[in-house]
Amino acid sequence: MQFLIIDDHPVIRKGLIYVITCEPEYDTFQFDEVGTAADALNLLCANQYDMVLMDISLPDRSGLDVLTHMRRERPLLPVLVISTHAESLYAVRALKLGAAGYITKTSAVHVLITAIKSILRTGKYISSNVSLMLAHEIDSSRIAHAKPHELLSNREMEVARMIASGTSTREIAGQLSLSVKTINTHRSRLLAKLSLKNSVNLTTYCIQNQLI
């Protein structure tokens, strides 16, 4: 088995390799590891992998963008998202984009191993918490009861979190490879959807809803 690990923290990458290879049945697995989306996409073009383990927060591009690219180029390649972000924030979004599973970095070791085994066996890993979220997602009354940020697009959510974290419009444009005009359009739309007036209000909203 050949795995690709995409995470910008070397300690996390090494830790994942150690934990996985401690399993007797996985001690012969091989791993490539990268810290950026660009390097990940290059390796995905050059190599065949049995599974990808990846974070959403990458320094040069959103992991959701990488996931979208992988679904288009390698639709059968299973991807387990291992994120610092709570399941409530990104799990359903990631699964909708084609992820095979979603766990957080605070998960116990046995959850990681269970997720990998489940994905290798069935192609999916859905925790009980995420199952409830998915059920809520398909509930016809969800929109009426959803929190405002749950109705943001993936890109709007990403821009909102970056603005609330203090990233300038020009920096956001550079990191997302978009124009400043496009970022300003996203900002205007997400503020309207959240019924907020400015970036200060947005920061407060994101903190109150644990989005950053």
Protein backbone atom coordinates (compact mmCIF):
# COMPACT_ATOMS: atom_id res chain seq x y z
CA MET A 1 0.00 0.00 0.00
CA GLN A 2 1.23 3.47 -0.90
CA PHE A 3 -0.13 6.46 1.04
CA LEU A 4 0.25 10.19 0.46
CA ILE A 5 0.16 12.46 3.51
CA ILE A 6 -0.57 16.16 2.91
CA ASP A 7 0.01 18.35 5.96
CA ASP A 8 2.18 21.42 6.50
CA HIS A 9 3.40 20.23 9.92
CA PRO A 10 6.28 17.72 9.69
CA VAL A 11 5.63 16.43 13.22
CA ILE A 12 2.03 15.57 12.28
CA ARG A 13 3.18 13.74 9.15
CA LYS A 14 5.78 11.70 11.03
CA GLY A 15 3.29 11.00 13.80
CA LEU A 16 0.74 9.63 11.36
CA ILE A 17 3.32 7.37 9.77
CA TYR A 18 4.44 6.08 13.15
CA VAL A 19 0.91 5.38 14.38
CA ILE A 20 -0.13 3.61 11.19
CA THR A 21 2.97 1.45 10.88
CA CYS A 22 2.65 0.37 14.51
CA GLU A 23 -0.28 -1.72 13.32
CA PRO A 24 1.18 -5.17 12.45
CA GLU A 25 -0.84 -5.44 9.25
CA TYR A 26 0.30 -2.00 8.09
CA ASP A 27 4.00 -2.14 8.95
CA THR A 28 5.00 -2.56 5.29
CA PHE A 29 2.98 0.42 4.03
CA GLN A 30 4.94 3.07 2.11
CA PHE A 31 4.43 6.82 2.53
CA ASP A 32 5.11 9.99 0.58
CA GLU A 33 4.64 13.21 2.52
CA VAL A 34 4.31 16.85 1.46
CA GLY A 35 3.52 20.14 3.14
CA THR A 36 1.89 22.13 0.33
CA ALA A 37 -0.96 21.72 -2.12
CA ALA A 38 1.36 22.35 -5.07
CA ASP A 39 3.70 19.53 -4.08
CA ALA A 40 0.73 17.25 -3.44
CA LEU A 41 -0.73 17.85 -6.90
CA ASN A 42 2.66 17.20 -8.51
CA LEU A 43 3.00 13.85 -6.73
CA LEU A 44 -0.58 12.90 -7.56
CA CYS A 45 0.20 13.43 -11.24
CA ALA A 46 3.36 11.33 -11.08
CA ASN A 47 2.36 8.44 -8.79
CA GLN A 48 -0.41 6.01 -7.98
CA TYR A 49 -1.65 5.96 -4.37
CA ASP A 50 -3.99 3.70 -2.44
CA MET A 51 -5.10 6.45 -0.03
CA VAL A 52 -4.51 10.11 0.76
CA LEU A 53 -4.50 11.56 4.29
CA MET A 54 -4.79 15.32 4.19
CA ASP A 55 -5.45 18.46 6.18
CA ILE A 56 -7.72 21.25 4.96
CA SER A 57 -5.51 24.14 6.08
CA LEU A 58 -2.50 24.31 3.76
CA PRO A 59 -0.18 27.30 3.29
CA ASP A 60 -0.65 27.79 -0.44
CA ARG A 61 -4.14 26.54 -1.25
CA SER A 62 -7.20 25.20 0.51
CA GLY A 63 -7.35 21.46 1.03
CA LEU A 64 -10.90 21.64 -0.28
CA ASP A 65 -9.52 22.85 -3.61
CA VAL A 66 -7.05 19.95 -3.64
CA LEU A 67 -9.89 17.57 -2.84
CA THR A 68 -11.94 18.96 -5.73
CA HIS A 69 -8.97 18.47 -8.08
CA MET A 70 -8.46 14.89 -6.90
CA ARG A 71 -12.12 14.01 -7.40
CA ARG A 72 -11.83 15.24 -10.97
CA GLU A 73 -8.50 13.59 -11.81
CA ARG A 74 -8.59 10.50 -9.55
CA PRO A 75 -12.25 9.84 -8.74
CA LEU A 76 -11.58 6.42 -7.17
CA LEU A 77 -8.73 7.54 -4.90
CA PRO A 78 -9.97 7.52 -1.27
CA VAL A 79 -9.17 10.61 0.79
CA LEU A 80 -9.33 10.76 4.58
CA VAL A 81 -9.40 14.34 5.84
CA ILE A 82 -7.59 14.77 9.17
CA SER A 83 -8.20 18.33 10.27
CA THR A 84 -7.77 20.73 13.15
CA HIS A 85 -11.29 21.97 12.38
CA ALA A 86 -14.26 20.50 14.20
CA GLU A 87 -16.51 18.09 12.33
CA SER A 88 -19.35 20.60 12.57
CA LEU A 89 -17.38 23.09 10.49
CA TYR A 90 -16.08 21.09 7.54
CA ALA A 91 -17.03 17.39 7.67
CA VAL A 92 -20.19 17.60 5.55
CA ARG A 93 -18.52 19.99 3.12
CA ALA A 94 -15.57 17.63 2.67
CA LEU A 95 -17.79 14.59 2.20
CA LYS A 96 -19.87 16.43 -0.39
CA LEU A 97 -16.67 17.12 -2.32
CA GLY A 98 -15.84 13.41 -2.33
CA ALA A 99 -13.81 12.74 0.82
CA ALA A 100 -14.06 9.15 2.03
CA GLY A 101 -14.00 10.22 5.67
CA TYR A 102 -13.32 13.06 8.09
CA ILE A 103 -11.70 13.00 11.53
CA THR A 104 -10.09 15.66 13.67
CA LYS A 105 -6.52 15.78 14.92
CA THR A 106 -7.83 15.51 18.47
CA SER A 107 -9.26 12.06 17.70
CA ALA A 108 -7.91 9.05 19.59
CA VAL A 109 -5.41 6.83 17.79
CA HIS A 110 -7.92 4.01 17.50
CA VAL A 111 -10.30 6.34 15.61
CA LEU A 112 -7.60 6.98 12.98
CA ILE A 113 -6.93 3.26 12.57
CA THR A 114 -10.64 2.46 12.47
CA ALA A 115 -11.17 5.11 9.80
CA ILE A 116 -8.33 3.77 7.65
CA LYS A 117 -9.53 0.17 7.99
CA SER A 118 -13.08 1.16 7.16
CA ILE A 119 -12.04 3.12 4.07
CA LEU A 120 -9.79 0.33 2.79
CA ARG A 121 -12.60 -2.18 3.34
CA THR A 122 -15.73 -0.26 2.33
CA GLY A 123 -14.52 2.98 0.77
CA LYS A 124 -16.06 5.17 3.50
CA TYR A 125 -15.74 6.12 7.15
CA ILE A 126 -18.65 8.03 8.68
CA SER A 127 -18.60 8.65 12.44
CA SER A 128 -21.83 8.74 14.41
CA ASN A 129 -21.52 12.52 14.81
CA VAL A 130 -21.07 13.03 11.07
CA SER A 131 -23.99 10.66 10.36
CA LEU A 132 -26.23 12.96 12.37
CA MET A 133 -24.92 15.98 10.49
CA LEU A 134 -25.62 14.30 7.17
CA ALA A 135 -29.13 13.45 8.31
CA HIS A 136 -29.61 17.08 9.28
CA GLU A 137 -28.21 18.15 5.92
CA ILE A 138 -30.84 16.27 3.95
CA ASP A 139 -33.69 17.32 6.22
CA SER A 140 -36.04 19.41 4.10
CA SER A 141 -36.44 21.86 6.96
CA ARG A 142 -32.70 22.36 7.42
CA ILE A 143 -32.47 25.69 5.63
CA ALA A 144 -35.11 27.24 7.86
CA HIS A 145 -33.21 26.21 11.00
CA ALA A 146 -29.62 26.44 9.80
CA LYS A 147 -27.13 28.87 11.25
CA PRO A 148 -26.28 31.60 8.73
CA HIS A 149 -22.71 30.39 8.14
CA GLU A 150 -23.97 26.90 7.23
CA LEU A 151 -25.46 28.43 4.10
CA LEU A 152 -22.17 29.91 2.90
CA SER A 153 -20.46 28.31 -0.06
CA ASN A 154 -17.13 26.58 0.56
CA ARG A 155 -15.27 29.54 -0.93
CA GLU A 156 -17.27 32.08 1.09
CA MET A 157 -16.57 30.14 4.27
CA GLU A 158 -12.87 30.08 3.46
CA VAL A 159 -12.76 33.81 2.75
CA ALA A 160 -14.78 34.57 5.89
CA ARG A 161 -12.36 32.65 8.10
CA MET A 162 -9.34 34.31 6.50
CA ILE A 163 -10.80 37.80 6.92
CA ALA A 164 -11.71 37.06 10.54
CA SER A 165 -8.16 35.82 11.14
CA GLY A 166 -6.77 39.19 10.07
CA THR A 167 -5.59 38.31 6.56
CA SER A 168 -5.72 41.28 4.18
CA THR A 169 -7.75 41.22 0.97
CA ARG A 170 -4.58 41.24 -1.15
CA GLU A 171 -3.07 38.38 0.87
CA ILE A 172 -6.27 36.35 0.54
CA ALA A 173 -6.28 36.94 -3.21
CA GLY A 174 -2.68 35.76 -3.45
CA GLN A 175 -3.20 32.65 -1.36
CA LEU A 176 -6.34 31.62 -3.25
CA SER A 177 -4.99 32.63 -6.69
CA LEU A 178 -7.95 34.96 -7.22
CA SER A 179 -8.23 38.66 -8.03
CA VAL A 180 -8.76 41.29 -5.35
CA LYS A 181 -12.05 42.14 -7.07
CA THR A 182 -13.23 38.55 -6.71
CA ILE A 183 -12.33 38.47 -3.03
CA ASN A 184 -14.22 41.71 -2.47
CA THR A 185 -17.24 40.17 -4.22
CA HIS A 186 -17.07 37.13 -1.95
CA ARG A 187 -16.75 39.44 1.06
CA SER A 188 -19.83 41.44 0.07
CA ARG A 189 -21.90 38.31 -0.51
CA LEU A 190 -20.92 36.56 2.70
CA LEU A 191 -21.52 39.69 4.79
CA ALA A 192 -24.99 39.94 3.22
CA LYS A 193 -25.73 36.27 3.95
CA LEU A 194 -24.61 36.70 7.55
CA SER A 195 -26.44 40.04 7.91
CA LEU A 196 -23.21 41.72 9.02
CA LYS A 197 -21.93 45.20 8.23
CA ASN A 198 -18.16 44.93 8.29
CA SER A 199 -15.07 42.81 8.98
CA VAL A 200 -15.15 43.62 12.70
CA ASN A 201 -18.65 42.18 12.95
CA LEU A 202 -17.48 39.19 10.92
CA THR A 203 -14.58 38.52 13.28
CA THR A 204 -16.91 38.65 16.27
CA TYR A 205 -19.34 36.29 14.54
CA CYS A 206 -16.60 33.79 13.67
CA ILE A 207 -15.27 33.79 17.24
CA GLN A 208 -18.74 33.35 18.73
CA ASN A 209 -19.46 30.43 16.39
CA GLN A 210 -16.00 28.88 16.80
CA LEU A 211 -15.14 29.23 13.12
CA ILE A 212 -11.59 30.35 13.89
